Every structure is written in structure tokens, then in C-alpha cells.
Amino acid sequence: KMLIPLDMLQPGEKAEVVEVSGDAAWVCRLAEMGLREGCQLTVLQPGSPCLLKVADCRLCLRGGEATQILVTPVTA
């Protein structure tokens, strides 16, 4: 499987989260919002802010936060 940083995905692309790194409190906060290892997401808007669809929620990441999330693209 190809691992890439989340910020490399284009609008509409789907991916599975493989790893979330960074400050433990931030990683925990993302997990509470549903963005954790194994979850699937869709990129709504790349860049900063980065808008994601995770389950039935929309999340917004700012700055370089998306570089700390490694994903593998999902096709289909």
C-alpha cells in the first residue's frame, strides 16, 4: 500500500487513515472527532484550511496539520 501525507490528496479523493502523528493531545482530539487509524475520509477541500468528510461529519484542519496524517488512497 502506498502511504502519503493527507495534504497530497485532491478534492473528492478518498483514503484510509494509517497513522496520525504529533502531539498526544492533538492525536487524541482527532480520534474523539472520528479521525483515527483505520477510518475512511474524503477530501472536500485541500490546502489550508483542509476540509474533510469523516463518517457523517466535516472536519477542518489548519496550517500543516494535514502533513501529520498518513493515508493510503482508496479506489472505487
C-alpha atoms as a PDB file:
ATOM      1  CA  LYS A   1       0.000   0.000   0.000  1.00  0.00           C
ATOM      2  CA  MET A   2       1.200   3.485  -0.822  1.00  0.00           C
ATOM      3  CA  LEU A   3       1.453   5.829   2.170  1.00  0.00           C
ATOM      4  CA  ILE A   4       1.161   9.548   1.525  1.00  0.00           C
ATOM      5  CA  PRO A   5       0.512  12.627   3.666  1.00  0.00           C
ATOM      6  CA  LEU A   6      -3.139  13.664   3.701  1.00  0.00           C
ATOM      7  CA  ASP A   7      -2.265  17.040   2.162  1.00  0.00           C
ATOM      8  CA  MET A   8      -1.241  15.302  -1.095  1.00  0.00           C
ATOM      9  CA  LEU A   9      -4.838  14.269  -1.894  1.00  0.00           C
ATOM     10  CA  GLN A  10      -7.044  16.150  -4.350  1.00  0.00           C
ATOM     11  CA  PRO A  11     -10.703  17.191  -3.897  1.00  0.00           C
ATOM     12  CA  GLY A  12     -13.030  14.194  -3.962  1.00  0.00           C
ATOM     13  CA  GLU A  13     -10.285  11.642  -3.280  1.00  0.00           C
ATOM     14  CA  LYS A  14     -10.968   9.001  -0.637  1.00  0.00           C
ATOM     15  CA  ALA A  15      -8.382   7.499   1.676  1.00  0.00           C
ATOM     16  CA  GLU A  16      -7.913   5.321   4.744  1.00  0.00           C
ATOM     17  CA  VAL A  17      -6.001   6.756   7.692  1.00  0.00           C
ATOM     18  CA  VAL A  18      -2.914   4.668   8.502  1.00  0.00           C
ATOM     19  CA  GLU A  19      -1.143   6.873  11.056  1.00  0.00           C
ATOM     20  CA  VAL A  20      -1.746  10.098  12.956  1.00  0.00           C
ATOM     21  CA  SER A  21       1.368  11.624  14.491  1.00  0.00           C
ATOM     22  CA  GLY A  22       2.058  14.713  16.546  1.00  0.00           C
ATOM     23  CA  ASP A  23       1.229  15.985  19.999  1.00  0.00           C
ATOM     24  CA  ALA A  24      -0.602  13.295  22.017  1.00  0.00           C
ATOM     25  CA  ALA A  25      -3.419  15.670  22.983  1.00  0.00           C
ATOM     26  CA  TRP A  26      -3.961  16.606  19.321  1.00  0.00           C
ATOM     27  CA  VAL A  27      -3.946  12.956  18.212  1.00  0.00           C
ATOM     28  CA  CYS A  28      -6.472  12.165  20.966  1.00  0.00           C
ATOM     29  CA  ARG A  29      -8.669  15.115  19.968  1.00  0.00           C
ATOM     30  CA  LEU A  30      -8.733  13.964  16.335  1.00  0.00           C
ATOM     31  CA  ALA A  31      -9.626  10.426  17.468  1.00  0.00           C
ATOM     32  CA  GLU A  32     -12.533  11.842  19.502  1.00  0.00           C
ATOM     33  CA  MET A  33     -13.779  13.518  16.310  1.00  0.00           C
ATOM     34  CA  GLY A  34     -13.549  10.236  14.377  1.00  0.00           C
ATOM     35  CA  LEU A  35     -10.230  10.797  12.584  1.00  0.00           C
ATOM     36  CA  ARG A  36      -8.192   7.802  13.698  1.00  0.00           C
ATOM     37  CA  GLU A  37      -6.236   4.881  12.314  1.00  0.00           C
ATOM     38  CA  GLY A  38      -8.453   2.736  10.080  1.00  0.00           C
ATOM     39  CA  CYS A  39     -11.125   5.342   9.356  1.00  0.00           C
ATOM     40  CA  GLN A  40     -12.022   6.405   5.831  1.00  0.00           C
ATOM     41  CA  LEU A  41     -12.265  10.012   4.749  1.00  0.00           C
ATOM     42  CA  THR A  42     -12.962  12.126   1.696  1.00  0.00           C
ATOM     43  CA  VAL A  43     -11.091  15.333   0.901  1.00  0.00           C
ATOM     44  CA  LEU A  44     -13.602  18.121   0.280  1.00  0.00           C
ATOM     45  CA  GLN A  45     -11.043  20.929   0.002  1.00  0.00           C
ATOM     46  CA  PRO A  46      -7.266  20.513   0.144  1.00  0.00           C
ATOM     47  CA  GLY A  47      -4.875  23.174   1.400  1.00  0.00           C
ATOM     48  CA  SER A  48      -5.236  25.372   4.445  1.00  0.00           C
ATOM     49  CA  PRO A  49      -7.840  25.100   5.708  1.00  0.00           C
ATOM     50  CA  CYS A  50      -8.233  21.461   4.679  1.00  0.00           C
ATOM     51  CA  LEU A  51     -11.853  20.258   4.752  1.00  0.00           C
ATOM     52  CA  LEU A  52     -12.530  16.559   5.257  1.00  0.00           C
ATOM     53  CA  LYS A  53     -15.602  14.367   5.393  1.00  0.00           C
ATOM     54  CA  VAL A  54     -15.204  11.689   8.073  1.00  0.00           C
ATOM     55  CA  ALA A  55     -18.262   9.455   8.600  1.00  0.00           C
ATOM     56  CA  ASP A  56     -21.152  11.975   8.564  1.00  0.00           C
ATOM     57  CA  CYS A  57     -19.043  14.857   9.875  1.00  0.00           C
ATOM     58  CA  ARG A  58     -16.949  17.580   8.310  1.00  0.00           C
ATOM     59  CA  LEU A  59     -13.598  18.421   9.857  1.00  0.00           C
ATOM     60  CA  CYS A  60     -11.356  21.390   9.191  1.00  0.00           C
ATOM     61  CA  LEU A  61      -7.562  21.181   9.626  1.00  0.00           C
ATOM     62  CA  ARG A  62      -5.377  24.299   9.565  1.00  0.00           C
ATOM     63  CA  GLY A  63      -1.750  25.022   8.869  1.00  0.00           C
ATOM     64  CA  GLY A  64       0.457  21.971   8.449  1.00  0.00           C
ATOM     65  CA  GLU A  65      -1.779  19.618  10.434  1.00  0.00           C
ATOM     66  CA  ALA A  66      -2.645  17.512   7.370  1.00  0.00           C
ATOM     67  CA  THR A  67       1.036  16.622   6.881  1.00  0.00           C
ATOM     68  CA  GLN A  68       0.960  14.691  10.184  1.00  0.00           C
ATOM     69  CA  ILE A  69      -1.737  12.325   8.933  1.00  0.00           C
ATOM     70  CA  LEU A  70      -0.562   9.460   6.703  1.00  0.00           C
ATOM     71  CA  VAL A  71      -3.152   7.817   4.478  1.00  0.00           C
ATOM     72  CA  THR A  72      -3.425   5.225   1.755  1.00  0.00           C
ATOM     73  CA  PRO A  73      -5.685   6.179  -1.189  1.00  0.00           C
ATOM     74  CA  VAL A  74      -8.876   4.152  -1.629  1.00  0.00           C
ATOM     75  CA  THR A  75     -10.089   3.448  -5.129  1.00  0.00           C
ATOM     76  CA  ALA A  76     -13.709   2.648  -6.020  1.00  0.00           C
END
